[in-house]
């Protein structure tokens, strides 16, 4: 079990009977399949057909099905409040308007629904380590624009601006020594990550959508007249 899924499981469990949206499903294919295995109704969304294929393939390997939706994360084609939980996996560092993405995720969540995210910090350490640890980069693929990486305080502002109350945040870092990371890079494979207190590379967090609050009842509003 990956550290990311372990934290996701801890944050959003139980999944049985819940409707869960997984954003950037290509990167979250393993998590989408495992959530479905726990009895959730999973909707996997990705802007790329290849990402949806990866999610479908991993689900079939576990003898589960997930609904596939081809869509960008900046404008989700779902009604308000239809999901019990949302997992936003490696998506925040792929868009230029993080607050809008977070608001969209919050919009499709029911009040009290859980929001889980995992992303890359905008630090020199994250930029350097990302070239060694990132699986696509290790296989010679493209490296994401470091300017799109996002700081924890920026994520927190986006969460609060979308009526999502932050509950927890944890770091993710390479499991093992720098020598292990370099060896994995030479072999073209991805280095496993472990939960850390240090947020300077990758970090993940959990928030909950605030319950809907209606307009104040005048009969119950205390008077502040002198």
Protein backbone atom coordinates (compact mmCIF):
# COMPACT_ATOMS: atom_id res chain seq x y z
CA UNK A 1 0.00 0.00 0.00
CA UNK A 2 1.41 3.40 -0.98
CA UNK A 3 1.75 6.15 1.60
CA UNK A 4 -0.66 8.27 -0.43
CA UNK A 5 -3.38 5.63 -0.45
CA UNK A 6 -2.77 4.83 3.22
CA UNK A 7 -3.44 8.46 4.09
CA UNK A 8 -6.41 8.64 1.73
CA UNK A 9 -7.88 5.52 3.32
CA UNK A 10 -7.39 7.00 6.80
CA UNK A 11 -8.90 10.35 5.80
CA UNK A 12 -11.98 9.22 3.87
CA UNK A 13 -12.84 5.75 5.25
CA UNK A 14 -15.40 4.16 5.18
CA UNK A 15 -16.06 4.05 1.43
CA UNK A 16 -18.88 1.48 1.34
CA UNK A 17 -21.81 2.82 -0.69
CA UNK A 18 -20.26 6.26 -1.15
CA UNK A 19 -19.89 8.07 -4.45
CA UNK A 20 -16.27 9.13 -4.83
CA UNK A 21 -14.77 11.37 -7.51
CA UNK A 22 -11.10 10.83 -8.41
CA UNK A 23 -9.58 13.77 -10.30
CA UNK A 24 -6.53 13.22 -12.53
CA UNK A 25 -7.42 9.55 -12.63
CA UNK A 26 -4.39 8.50 -14.67
CA UNK A 27 -2.11 9.44 -11.78
CA UNK A 28 -4.68 8.11 -9.30
CA UNK A 29 -5.49 4.85 -11.09
CA UNK A 30 -4.32 2.68 -8.20
CA UNK A 31 -6.27 4.71 -5.66
CA UNK A 32 -9.43 4.65 -7.79
CA UNK A 33 -9.26 0.86 -8.08
CA UNK A 34 -8.64 0.38 -4.36
CA UNK A 35 -11.51 2.68 -3.41
CA UNK A 36 -13.80 0.71 -5.71
CA UNK A 37 -12.56 -2.46 -4.05
CA UNK A 38 -13.75 -1.01 -0.73
CA UNK A 39 -17.31 -0.80 -2.08
CA UNK A 40 -17.47 2.81 -3.28
CA UNK A 41 -19.04 3.95 -6.55
CA UNK A 42 -16.06 5.58 -8.21
CA UNK A 43 -16.09 8.19 -10.96
CA UNK A 44 -12.63 8.60 -12.50
CA UNK A 45 -12.09 11.91 -14.33
CA UNK A 46 -9.12 12.84 -16.50
CA UNK A 47 -8.45 15.23 -19.36
CA UNK A 48 -6.50 12.57 -21.28
CA UNK A 49 -7.82 9.33 -22.79
CA UNK A 50 -4.60 7.65 -21.72
CA UNK A 51 -5.35 8.53 -18.09
CA UNK A 52 -8.81 7.00 -18.32
CA UNK A 53 -7.39 3.88 -19.91
CA UNK A 54 -4.93 3.53 -17.05
CA UNK A 55 -7.75 3.87 -14.51
CA UNK A 56 -9.94 1.32 -16.33
CA UNK A 57 -7.07 -1.15 -16.69
CA UNK A 58 -6.15 -0.98 -13.01
CA UNK A 59 -9.80 -1.40 -11.97
CA UNK A 60 -10.20 -4.46 -14.20
CA UNK A 61 -7.06 -5.98 -12.67
CA UNK A 62 -8.89 -5.82 -9.35
CA UNK A 63 -12.14 -7.07 -10.90
CA UNK A 64 -13.89 -3.78 -10.31
CA UNK A 65 -15.46 -1.15 -12.55
CA UNK A 66 -15.18 2.61 -12.38
CA UNK A 67 -17.16 5.19 -14.35
CA UNK A 68 -14.90 7.12 -16.75
CA UNK A 69 -15.37 10.80 -17.59
CA UNK A 70 -13.18 12.68 -20.05
CA UNK A 71 -12.98 16.24 -18.73
CA UNK A 72 -10.59 18.93 -17.64
CA UNK A 73 -10.50 19.64 -13.93
CA UNK A 74 -11.23 23.36 -14.39
CA UNK A 75 -14.93 22.84 -15.16
CA UNK A 76 -16.47 19.60 -13.93
CA UNK A 77 -19.61 18.30 -15.73
CA UNK A 78 -21.40 17.23 -12.55
CA UNK A 79 -24.32 18.61 -10.57
CA UNK A 80 -23.79 20.35 -7.24
CA UNK A 81 -23.40 18.13 -4.18
CA UNK A 82 -23.46 14.73 -5.90
CA UNK A 83 -20.29 13.23 -4.38
CA UNK A 84 -19.54 12.08 -0.84
CA UNK A 85 -15.78 12.45 -1.29
CA UNK A 86 -13.27 13.76 -3.80
CA UNK A 87 -9.62 12.75 -4.24
CA UNK A 88 -7.57 15.31 -6.16
CA UNK A 89 -4.35 13.44 -6.94
CA UNK A 90 -1.49 15.31 -8.57
CA UNK A 91 -3.89 17.76 -10.20
CA UNK A 92 -3.24 21.03 -8.37
CA UNK A 93 0.24 21.37 -9.94
CA UNK A 94 -1.22 20.96 -13.45
CA UNK A 95 -3.47 24.03 -13.54
CA UNK A 96 -2.90 27.78 -13.43
CA UNK A 97 -5.99 28.57 -11.36
CA UNK A 98 -5.85 26.41 -8.24
CA UNK A 99 -8.63 28.29 -6.37
CA UNK A 100 -11.05 27.67 -9.26
CA UNK A 101 -10.23 23.95 -9.35
CA UNK A 102 -10.77 23.68 -5.60
CA UNK A 103 -14.08 25.57 -5.82
CA UNK A 104 -15.24 23.18 -8.55
CA UNK A 105 -14.33 20.18 -6.39
CA UNK A 106 -16.15 21.73 -3.44
CA UNK A 107 -19.19 22.47 -5.58
CA UNK A 108 -19.74 18.82 -6.49
CA UNK A 109 -19.27 17.67 -2.89
CA UNK A 110 -22.20 17.34 -0.52
CA UNK A 111 -22.00 19.33 2.74
CA UNK A 112 -19.83 17.32 5.13
CA UNK A 113 -18.09 15.56 2.22
CA UNK A 114 -14.38 14.86 2.39
CA UNK A 115 -11.75 16.38 0.10
CA UNK A 116 -8.31 14.81 -0.22
CA UNK A 117 -5.42 16.30 -2.19
CA UNK A 118 -1.80 15.55 -2.93
CA UNK A 119 0.55 17.92 -4.76
CA UNK A 120 4.08 19.31 -5.15
CA UNK A 121 5.48 22.18 -3.11
CA UNK A 122 7.05 25.13 -4.92
CA UNK A 123 10.52 24.92 -3.39
CA UNK A 124 14.06 24.43 -4.74
CA UNK A 125 14.16 21.02 -3.02
CA UNK A 126 10.95 19.90 -4.73
CA UNK A 127 12.24 21.06 -8.09
CA UNK A 128 15.52 19.16 -7.69
CA UNK A 129 14.01 16.01 -6.19
CA UNK A 130 11.18 15.94 -8.70
CA UNK A 131 13.62 15.32 -11.54
CA UNK A 132 14.91 12.26 -9.69
CA UNK A 133 11.78 10.85 -8.08
CA UNK A 134 9.00 11.60 -10.55
CA UNK A 135 8.10 8.45 -12.44
CA UNK A 136 7.52 10.13 -15.81
CA UNK A 137 10.78 12.03 -15.61
CA UNK A 138 12.64 8.87 -14.60
CA UNK A 139 11.34 7.20 -17.75
CA UNK A 140 12.38 10.12 -19.93
CA UNK A 141 8.95 11.73 -20.04
CA UNK A 142 8.06 15.42 -19.66
CA UNK A 143 8.67 17.33 -16.45
CA UNK A 144 5.84 19.51 -15.18
CA UNK A 145 6.40 23.27 -15.10
CA UNK A 146 7.80 24.05 -11.61
CA UNK A 147 6.09 27.45 -11.76
CA UNK A 148 2.78 25.62 -11.36
CA UNK A 149 3.84 23.95 -8.12
CA UNK A 150 1.84 25.23 -5.16
CA UNK A 151 2.73 26.11 -1.58
CA UNK A 152 0.79 24.75 1.42
CA UNK A 153 -0.42 28.21 2.44
CA UNK A 154 -1.81 28.76 -1.07
CA UNK A 155 -3.71 25.49 -0.90
CA UNK A 156 -5.09 26.41 2.53
CA UNK A 157 -6.36 29.76 1.23
CA UNK A 158 -8.00 28.02 -1.72
CA UNK A 159 -9.65 25.49 0.59
CA UNK A 160 -11.05 28.10 2.95
CA UNK A 161 -12.20 30.21 -0.01
CA UNK A 162 -14.23 27.22 -1.20
CA UNK A 163 -15.82 26.53 2.22
CA UNK A 164 -13.56 23.52 2.76
CA UNK A 165 -12.24 23.32 6.32
CA UNK A 166 -8.66 21.96 6.48
CA UNK A 167 -8.28 19.08 8.94
CA UNK A 168 -4.76 17.80 8.40
CA UNK A 169 -1.63 18.13 6.28
CA UNK A 170 1.39 15.82 5.93
CA UNK A 171 4.53 15.66 3.84
CA UNK A 172 5.68 13.02 1.39
CA UNK A 173 9.31 12.23 0.73
CA UNK A 174 11.49 9.54 -0.85
CA UNK A 175 11.71 6.31 1.08
CA UNK A 176 15.38 5.60 1.65
CA UNK A 177 18.62 7.47 1.08
CA UNK A 178 19.68 9.75 -1.75
CA UNK A 179 21.77 6.84 -3.06
CA UNK A 180 18.56 4.79 -3.34
CA UNK A 181 16.90 7.61 -5.23
CA UNK A 182 19.82 7.90 -7.66
CA UNK A 183 19.88 4.14 -8.22
CA UNK A 184 16.16 4.12 -8.97
CA UNK A 185 16.67 6.99 -11.40
CA UNK A 186 19.43 5.13 -13.23
CA UNK A 187 17.17 2.09 -13.51
CA UNK A 188 14.31 4.22 -14.85
CA UNK A 189 11.91 3.45 -12.04
CA UNK A 190 9.92 5.49 -9.56
CA UNK A 191 11.14 5.81 -5.98
CA UNK A 192 8.45 4.94 -3.40
CA UNK A 193 7.36 7.78 -1.13
CA UNK A 194 6.72 7.73 2.61
CA UNK A 195 4.79 10.08 4.91
CA UNK A 196 6.98 12.80 6.43
CA UNK A 197 6.65 15.81 8.72
CA UNK A 198 8.68 17.79 6.17
CA UNK A 199 6.42 19.47 3.58
CA UNK A 200 9.20 20.79 1.36
CA UNK A 201 8.85 18.16 -1.41
CA UNK A 202 5.32 16.80 -1.79
CA UNK A 203 2.45 17.19 0.64
CA UNK A 204 -1.09 15.88 1.08
CA UNK A 205 -4.03 16.99 3.12
CA UNK A 206 -7.64 16.42 4.03
CA UNK A 207 -10.50 18.89 4.35
CA UNK A 208 -14.26 18.71 4.83
CA UNK A 209 -16.96 20.78 3.16
CA UNK A 210 -18.68 23.05 5.62
CA UNK A 211 -22.34 22.40 6.29
CA UNK A 212 -24.68 24.77 4.47
CA UNK A 213 -25.62 27.71 6.62
CA UNK A 214 -28.83 29.52 5.80
CA UNK A 215 -29.60 33.21 6.42
CA UNK A 216 -29.84 34.21 10.07
CA UNK A 217 -33.23 34.07 11.74
CA UNK A 218 -34.10 37.67 12.80
CA UNK A 219 -36.01 36.34 15.82
CA UNK A 220 -32.84 34.61 17.04
CA UNK A 221 -30.35 37.33 16.12
CA UNK A 222 -29.23 39.15 19.28
CA UNK A 223 -29.60 42.91 19.24
CA UNK A 224 -26.43 44.98 19.59
CA UNK A 225 -28.20 48.26 20.09
CA UNK A 226 -26.87 50.35 22.97
